[in-house]
């Protein structure tokens, strides 16, 4: 489902770009569809992550990484990605 929503976003973004000058209302409709698909994809990702998130021994979810975890994460990226 997530991949489908992302695909819809790509198609709608292309349509919005094509219609932006000549048919602004159609471009706005495409942008609204992108927003809706993005929100749906985020919701589905949250649901999926809730299923695979590790739990402590007492069944509580392990806290998500905070700002302090950014340096190790950034260090794992290739040099090209860090320059962008």
N, C-alpha and C. Protein backbone atom coordinates (compact mmCIF):
# COMPACT_ATOMS: atom_id res chain seq x y z
N UNK A 1 0.81 -1.19 0.00
CA UNK A 1 0.00 0.00 0.00
C UNK A 1 0.86 1.26 0.00
N UNK A 2 1.93 1.26 0.77
CA UNK A 2 2.79 2.44 0.83
C UNK A 2 3.36 2.72 -0.56
N UNK A 3 3.86 1.69 -1.23
CA UNK A 3 4.42 1.88 -2.56
C UNK A 3 3.37 2.41 -3.53
N UNK A 4 2.15 1.94 -3.41
CA UNK A 4 1.08 2.43 -4.27
C UNK A 4 0.86 3.92 -4.05
N UNK A 5 0.79 4.34 -2.79
CA UNK A 5 0.58 5.75 -2.50
C UNK A 5 1.73 6.62 -3.00
N UNK A 6 2.94 6.13 -2.88
CA UNK A 6 4.08 6.89 -3.40
C UNK A 6 4.01 6.97 -4.93
N UNK A 7 3.59 5.90 -5.58
CA UNK A 7 3.42 5.92 -7.03
C UNK A 7 2.37 6.95 -7.44
N UNK A 8 1.27 6.99 -6.72
CA UNK A 8 0.22 7.98 -7.00
C UNK A 8 0.80 9.39 -6.85
N UNK A 9 1.62 9.60 -5.84
CA UNK A 9 2.22 10.91 -5.63
C UNK A 9 3.09 11.32 -6.82
N UNK A 10 3.85 10.39 -7.36
CA UNK A 10 4.71 10.69 -8.51
C UNK A 10 3.87 11.05 -9.73
N UNK A 11 2.83 10.27 -9.98
CA UNK A 11 1.95 10.53 -11.13
C UNK A 11 1.26 11.88 -10.98
N UNK A 12 0.73 12.16 -9.80
CA UNK A 12 0.03 13.42 -9.57
C UNK A 12 0.99 14.61 -9.65
N UNK A 13 2.21 14.45 -9.16
CA UNK A 13 3.19 15.54 -9.24
C UNK A 13 3.52 15.87 -10.70
N UNK A 14 3.66 14.83 -11.50
CA UNK A 14 3.91 15.04 -12.93
C UNK A 14 2.73 15.75 -13.59
N UNK A 15 1.52 15.33 -13.25
CA UNK A 15 0.33 15.96 -13.80
C UNK A 15 0.23 17.42 -13.36
N UNK A 16 0.54 17.70 -12.11
CA UNK A 16 0.48 19.08 -11.62
C UNK A 16 1.46 19.96 -12.37
N UNK A 17 2.66 19.44 -12.59
CA UNK A 17 3.67 20.22 -13.31
C UNK A 17 3.21 20.51 -14.74
N UNK A 18 2.62 19.52 -15.39
CA UNK A 18 2.15 19.70 -16.77
C UNK A 18 1.01 20.71 -16.87
N UNK A 19 0.19 20.80 -15.81
CA UNK A 19 -1.01 21.65 -15.85
C UNK A 19 -0.85 22.97 -15.13
N UNK A 20 0.29 23.20 -14.53
CA UNK A 20 0.48 24.32 -13.63
C UNK A 20 0.12 25.66 -14.25
N UNK A 21 0.59 25.96 -15.45
CA UNK A 21 0.34 27.26 -16.08
C UNK A 21 -1.00 27.32 -16.80
N UNK A 22 -1.33 26.28 -17.56
CA UNK A 22 -2.52 26.32 -18.40
C UNK A 22 -3.81 26.04 -17.63
N UNK A 23 -3.75 25.16 -16.65
CA UNK A 23 -4.95 24.75 -15.90
C UNK A 23 -4.63 24.71 -14.40
N UNK A 24 -4.51 25.89 -13.79
CA UNK A 24 -4.10 25.92 -12.38
C UNK A 24 -5.02 25.17 -11.43
N UNK A 25 -6.33 25.14 -11.70
CA UNK A 25 -7.24 24.42 -10.80
C UNK A 25 -6.98 22.92 -10.86
N UNK A 26 -6.69 22.39 -12.03
CA UNK A 26 -6.35 20.97 -12.14
C UNK A 26 -5.02 20.68 -11.43
N UNK A 27 -4.11 21.64 -11.51
CA UNK A 27 -2.82 21.47 -10.81
C UNK A 27 -3.07 21.44 -9.30
N UNK A 28 -3.95 22.30 -8.82
CA UNK A 28 -4.29 22.31 -7.39
C UNK A 28 -4.93 20.98 -6.97
N UNK A 29 -5.78 20.43 -7.80
CA UNK A 29 -6.40 19.13 -7.51
C UNK A 29 -5.32 18.05 -7.40
N UNK A 30 -4.36 18.09 -8.30
CA UNK A 30 -3.27 17.11 -8.26
C UNK A 30 -2.46 17.29 -6.98
N UNK A 31 -2.22 18.53 -6.58
CA UNK A 31 -1.48 18.77 -5.33
C UNK A 31 -2.25 18.28 -4.12
N UNK A 32 -3.57 18.43 -4.13
CA UNK A 32 -4.38 17.91 -3.03
C UNK A 32 -4.30 16.38 -3.00
N UNK A 33 -4.29 15.75 -4.17
CA UNK A 33 -4.17 14.28 -4.23
C UNK A 33 -2.80 13.83 -3.71
N UNK A 34 -1.76 14.60 -4.00
CA UNK A 34 -0.43 14.29 -3.49
C UNK A 34 -0.44 14.35 -1.97
N UNK A 35 -1.03 15.40 -1.44
CA UNK A 35 -1.11 15.56 0.01
C UNK A 35 -1.86 14.39 0.66
N UNK A 36 -2.99 14.03 0.10
CA UNK A 36 -3.79 12.93 0.65
C UNK A 36 -3.03 11.61 0.57
N UNK A 37 -2.38 11.36 -0.55
CA UNK A 37 -1.61 10.11 -0.69
C UNK A 37 -0.44 10.07 0.26
N UNK A 38 0.22 11.21 0.44
CA UNK A 38 1.35 11.28 1.37
C UNK A 38 0.91 11.02 2.80
N UNK A 39 -0.21 11.61 3.18
CA UNK A 39 -0.73 11.38 4.54
C UNK A 39 -1.10 9.91 4.75
N UNK A 40 -1.69 9.31 3.73
CA UNK A 40 -2.06 7.90 3.83
C UNK A 40 -0.81 7.03 3.93
N UNK A 41 0.20 7.33 3.13
CA UNK A 41 1.45 6.56 3.17
C UNK A 41 2.10 6.68 4.54
N UNK A 42 2.12 7.89 5.11
CA UNK A 42 2.70 8.07 6.44
C UNK A 42 1.93 7.28 7.50
N UNK A 43 0.62 7.29 7.40
CA UNK A 43 -0.19 6.52 8.34
C UNK A 43 0.12 5.03 8.24
N UNK A 44 0.23 4.53 7.02
CA UNK A 44 0.53 3.12 6.82
C UNK A 44 1.93 2.77 7.32
N UNK A 45 2.89 3.67 7.11
CA UNK A 45 4.24 3.43 7.61
C UNK A 45 4.25 3.39 9.14
N UNK A 46 3.52 4.29 9.78
CA UNK A 46 3.44 4.28 11.25
C UNK A 46 2.86 2.97 11.75
N UNK A 47 1.80 2.50 11.08
CA UNK A 47 1.18 1.23 11.49
C UNK A 47 2.16 0.08 11.32
N UNK A 48 2.90 0.07 10.22
CA UNK A 48 3.86 -1.00 9.97
C UNK A 48 4.99 -0.95 11.00
N UNK A 49 5.49 0.25 11.28
CA UNK A 49 6.58 0.37 12.25
C UNK A 49 6.13 -0.02 13.65
N UNK A 50 4.89 0.23 13.98
CA UNK A 50 4.38 -0.17 15.29
C UNK A 50 4.43 -1.69 15.45
N UNK A 51 4.30 -2.40 14.35
CA UNK A 51 4.33 -3.86 14.40
C UNK A 51 5.74 -4.40 14.57
N UNK A 52 6.73 -3.69 14.07
CA UNK A 52 8.10 -4.21 14.09
C UNK A 52 8.99 -3.52 15.10
N UNK A 53 8.48 -2.51 15.78
CA UNK A 53 9.27 -1.78 16.78
C UNK A 53 9.61 -2.71 17.93
N UNK A 54 10.88 -2.71 18.36
CA UNK A 54 11.26 -3.60 19.46
C UNK A 54 10.57 -3.19 20.77
N UNK A 55 10.37 -4.18 21.64
CA UNK A 55 9.76 -3.93 22.94
C UNK A 55 10.74 -4.29 24.05
N UNK A 56 10.59 -3.62 25.19
CA UNK A 56 11.36 -3.97 26.38
C UNK A 56 10.80 -5.27 26.95
N UNK A 57 11.45 -5.79 27.99
CA UNK A 57 10.99 -7.02 28.64
C UNK A 57 9.58 -6.89 29.20
N UNK A 58 9.20 -5.66 29.62
CA UNK A 58 7.87 -5.47 30.20
C UNK A 58 6.80 -5.22 29.15
N UNK A 59 7.15 -5.31 27.88
CA UNK A 59 6.18 -5.14 26.80
C UNK A 59 6.03 -3.71 26.32
N UNK A 60 6.72 -2.77 26.95
CA UNK A 60 6.66 -1.37 26.51
C UNK A 60 7.57 -1.17 25.31
N UNK A 61 7.19 -0.26 24.47
CA UNK A 61 8.03 0.03 23.30
C UNK A 61 9.31 0.73 23.72
N UNK A 62 10.39 0.39 23.05
CA UNK A 62 11.67 1.05 23.28
C UNK A 62 11.56 2.47 22.74
N UNK A 63 12.05 3.46 23.47
CA UNK A 63 11.96 4.84 22.98
C UNK A 63 12.66 5.02 21.65
N UNK A 64 12.11 5.91 20.85
CA UNK A 64 12.72 6.22 19.56
C UNK A 64 14.00 6.99 19.80
N UNK A 65 14.89 6.92 18.82
CA UNK A 65 16.14 7.66 18.91
C UNK A 65 15.85 9.16 18.94
N UNK A 66 16.63 9.89 19.70
CA UNK A 66 16.47 11.34 19.78
C UNK A 66 17.52 12.05 18.95
N UNK A 67 17.65 13.34 19.20
CA UNK A 67 18.61 14.16 18.47
C UNK A 67 20.02 13.65 18.66
N UNK A 68 20.31 13.08 19.81
CA UNK A 68 21.64 12.55 20.07
C UNK A 68 22.03 11.42 19.13
N UNK A 69 21.06 10.80 18.48
CA UNK A 69 21.34 9.72 17.55
C UNK A 69 21.60 10.17 16.13
N UNK A 70 21.57 11.49 15.89
CA UNK A 70 21.77 11.99 14.52
C UNK A 70 23.19 11.80 14.01
N UNK A 71 24.20 12.04 14.86
CA UNK A 71 25.58 11.91 14.41
C UNK A 71 25.90 10.49 13.95
N UNK A 72 25.55 9.46 14.73
CA UNK A 72 25.81 8.10 14.24
C UNK A 72 25.05 7.78 12.95
N UNK A 73 23.82 8.29 12.86
CA UNK A 73 23.04 8.06 11.64
C UNK A 73 23.70 8.74 10.45
N UNK A 74 24.08 10.00 10.61
CA UNK A 74 24.73 10.74 9.52
C UNK A 74 26.05 10.09 9.15
N UNK A 75 26.77 9.56 10.13
CA UNK A 75 28.04 8.91 9.86
C UNK A 75 27.89 7.65 9.03
N UNK A 76 26.69 7.06 9.04
CA UNK A 76 26.47 5.84 8.27
C UNK A 76 26.12 6.12 6.81
N UNK A 77 25.89 7.40 6.47
CA UNK A 77 25.54 7.75 5.10
C UNK A 77 26.79 7.89 4.24
N UNK A 78 26.69 7.57 2.96
CA UNK A 78 27.82 7.79 2.07
C UNK A 78 28.15 9.27 1.99
N UNK A 79 29.40 9.60 1.68
CA UNK A 79 29.82 10.99 1.59
C UNK A 79 28.96 11.81 0.64
N UNK A 80 28.54 11.25 -0.45
CA UNK A 80 27.74 11.97 -1.43
C UNK A 80 26.43 12.44 -0.81
N UNK A 81 25.77 11.59 -0.03
CA UNK A 81 24.49 11.94 0.57
C UNK A 81 24.68 13.06 1.59
N UNK A 82 25.78 13.10 2.30
CA UNK A 82 26.01 14.13 3.32
C UNK A 82 26.27 15.49 2.69
N UNK A 83 26.75 15.52 1.45
CA UNK A 83 27.02 16.80 0.80
C UNK A 83 25.78 17.43 0.22
N UNK A 84 24.68 16.68 0.10
CA UNK A 84 23.46 17.21 -0.50
C UNK A 84 22.72 18.13 0.44
